[in-house]
Amino acid sequence: MRDPTLMTSAELVRELRDCRNELCHQCGGYLNAHLGRCDDCRWKLEQKENAAP
């Protein structure tokens, strides 16, 4: 991982997305996301909060 102070905002977003995807793979709940397994996921909730205007 590169120094975050030297990364552009697009690179930081990509890095965050990669970290989140890694956590989803560790949890394994993403396989049942269509059944609502990820509805209360900590990472999904943080993403929604950060996207709110």
N, C-alpha and C. Protein backbone atom coordinates (compact mmCIF):
# COMPACT_ATOMS: atom_id res chain seq x y z
N MET A 1 0.84 -1.18 0.00
CA MET A 1 0.00 0.00 0.00
C MET A 1 0.88 1.24 0.00
N ARG A 2 0.50 2.20 -0.81
CA ARG A 2 1.25 3.45 -0.90
C ARG A 2 0.91 4.37 0.27
N ASP A 3 1.71 5.39 0.43
CA ASP A 3 1.48 6.40 1.46
C ASP A 3 0.19 7.16 1.12
N PRO A 4 -0.81 7.12 2.00
CA PRO A 4 -2.10 7.78 1.72
C PRO A 4 -1.98 9.27 1.47
N THR A 5 -0.97 9.92 2.01
CA THR A 5 -0.83 11.36 1.81
C THR A 5 -0.40 11.69 0.39
N LEU A 6 0.10 10.69 -0.34
CA LEU A 6 0.55 10.92 -1.71
C LEU A 6 -0.44 10.39 -2.75
N MET A 7 -1.57 9.85 -2.31
CA MET A 7 -2.55 9.27 -3.21
C MET A 7 -3.62 10.29 -3.59
N THR A 8 -4.14 10.16 -4.80
CA THR A 8 -5.24 11.02 -5.23
C THR A 8 -6.53 10.51 -4.59
N SER A 9 -7.58 11.29 -4.66
CA SER A 9 -8.84 10.87 -4.06
C SER A 9 -9.38 9.62 -4.75
N ALA A 10 -9.21 9.51 -6.06
CA ALA A 10 -9.67 8.32 -6.78
C ALA A 10 -8.91 7.07 -6.32
N GLU A 11 -7.61 7.23 -6.07
CA GLU A 11 -6.82 6.10 -5.58
C GLU A 11 -7.23 5.71 -4.17
N LEU A 12 -7.56 6.70 -3.34
CA LEU A 12 -8.02 6.40 -1.98
C LEU A 12 -9.35 5.67 -1.99
N VAL A 13 -10.26 6.09 -2.86
CA VAL A 13 -11.56 5.42 -2.98
C VAL A 13 -11.36 3.98 -3.43
N ARG A 14 -10.48 3.77 -4.40
CA ARG A 14 -10.20 2.43 -4.90
C ARG A 14 -9.60 1.55 -3.79
N GLU A 15 -8.68 2.12 -3.01
CA GLU A 15 -8.06 1.39 -1.90
C GLU A 15 -9.11 1.01 -0.85
N LEU A 16 -10.01 1.94 -0.52
CA LEU A 16 -11.08 1.67 0.44
C LEU A 16 -11.99 0.56 -0.07
N ARG A 17 -12.33 0.62 -1.35
CA ARG A 17 -13.19 -0.40 -1.96
C ARG A 17 -12.52 -1.77 -1.91
N ASP A 18 -11.22 -1.81 -2.18
CA ASP A 18 -10.48 -3.07 -2.12
C ASP A 18 -10.47 -3.64 -0.71
N CYS A 19 -10.28 -2.78 0.29
CA CYS A 19 -10.28 -3.24 1.68
C CYS A 19 -11.66 -3.77 2.07
N ARG A 20 -12.70 -3.07 1.66
CA ARG A 20 -14.06 -3.50 1.97
C ARG A 20 -14.35 -4.84 1.31
N ASN A 21 -13.93 -5.01 0.06
CA ASN A 21 -14.14 -6.27 -0.64
C ASN A 21 -13.42 -7.41 0.06
N GLU A 22 -12.22 -7.13 0.58
CA GLU A 22 -11.48 -8.16 1.30
C GLU A 22 -12.24 -8.59 2.56
N LEU A 23 -12.82 -7.63 3.26
CA LEU A 23 -13.59 -7.96 4.46
C LEU A 23 -14.83 -8.76 4.11
N CYS A 24 -15.48 -8.43 3.00
CA CYS A 24 -16.66 -9.19 2.57
C CYS A 24 -16.29 -10.63 2.25
N HIS A 25 -15.13 -10.83 1.66
CA HIS A 25 -14.70 -12.19 1.34
C HIS A 25 -14.38 -12.96 2.62
N GLN A 26 -13.84 -12.30 3.63
CA GLN A 26 -13.54 -12.97 4.90
C GLN A 26 -14.83 -13.36 5.62
N CYS A 27 -15.84 -12.49 5.55
CA CYS A 27 -17.12 -12.76 6.21
C CYS A 27 -17.86 -13.88 5.50
N GLY A 28 -17.87 -13.81 4.18
CA GLY A 28 -18.57 -14.81 3.39
C GLY A 28 -20.05 -14.53 3.20
N GLY A 29 -20.55 -13.50 3.83
CA GLY A 29 -21.97 -13.17 3.73
C GLY A 29 -22.39 -12.67 2.36
N TYR A 30 -21.42 -12.19 1.58
CA TYR A 30 -21.74 -11.65 0.26
C TYR A 30 -22.36 -12.71 -0.64
N LEU A 31 -22.13 -13.97 -0.35
CA LEU A 31 -22.72 -15.04 -1.16
C LEU A 31 -24.24 -15.06 -1.02
N ASN A 32 -24.75 -14.57 0.12
CA ASN A 32 -26.18 -14.54 0.38
C ASN A 32 -26.71 -13.11 0.44
N ALA A 33 -26.03 -12.19 -0.22
CA ALA A 33 -26.44 -10.78 -0.21
C ALA A 33 -27.84 -10.61 -0.78
N HIS A 34 -28.19 -11.43 -1.76
CA HIS A 34 -29.52 -11.33 -2.37
C HIS A 34 -30.62 -11.75 -1.40
N LEU A 35 -30.26 -12.41 -0.31
CA LEU A 35 -31.22 -12.81 0.72
C LEU A 35 -31.26 -11.81 1.88
N GLY A 36 -30.50 -10.73 1.75
CA GLY A 36 -30.48 -9.70 2.79
C GLY A 36 -29.40 -9.89 3.83
N ARG A 37 -28.49 -10.79 3.59
CA ARG A 37 -27.44 -11.08 4.58
C ARG A 37 -26.58 -9.85 4.88
N CYS A 38 -26.38 -8.99 3.90
CA CYS A 38 -25.49 -7.83 4.06
C CYS A 38 -26.23 -6.56 4.47
N ASP A 39 -27.53 -6.64 4.73
CA ASP A 39 -28.31 -5.44 5.05
C ASP A 39 -27.81 -4.73 6.30
N ASP A 40 -27.37 -5.48 7.31
CA ASP A 40 -26.90 -4.88 8.55
C ASP A 40 -25.38 -4.87 8.65
N CYS A 41 -24.73 -5.05 7.54
CA CYS A 41 -23.27 -5.10 7.52
C CYS A 41 -22.70 -3.75 7.92
N ARG A 42 -21.70 -3.78 8.79
CA ARG A 42 -21.05 -2.56 9.26
C ARG A 42 -20.49 -1.75 8.09
N TRP A 43 -19.88 -2.42 7.13
CA TRP A 43 -19.22 -1.73 6.02
C TRP A 43 -20.25 -1.13 5.08
N LYS A 44 -21.36 -1.80 4.88
CA LYS A 44 -22.42 -1.26 4.02
C LYS A 44 -23.06 -0.04 4.68
N LEU A 45 -23.28 -0.10 6.00
CA LEU A 45 -23.88 1.02 6.72
C LEU A 45 -22.99 2.25 6.66
N GLU A 46 -21.66 2.05 6.82
CA GLU A 46 -20.73 3.18 6.75
C GLU A 46 -20.73 3.79 5.36
N GLN A 47 -20.83 2.95 4.34
CA GLN A 47 -20.85 3.44 2.97
C GLN A 47 -22.08 4.31 2.74
N LYS A 48 -23.24 3.89 3.26
CA LYS A 48 -24.48 4.66 3.10
C LYS A 48 -24.38 5.99 3.84
N GLU A 49 -23.80 5.98 5.05
CA GLU A 49 -23.66 7.20 5.84
C GLU A 49 -22.75 8.21 5.16
N ASN A 50 -21.68 7.72 4.56
CA ASN A 50 -20.72 8.61 3.89
C ASN A 50 -21.28 9.16 2.59
N ALA A 51 -22.22 8.47 1.98
CA ALA A 51 -22.80 8.90 0.70
C ALA A 51 -23.92 9.92 0.90
N ALA A 52 -24.48 10.00 2.10
CA ALA A 52 -25.58 10.93 2.37
C ALA A 52 -25.09 12.36 2.24
N PRO A 53 -25.90 13.24 1.64
CA PRO A 53 -25.47 14.66 1.47
C PRO A 53 -25.41 15.42 2.76
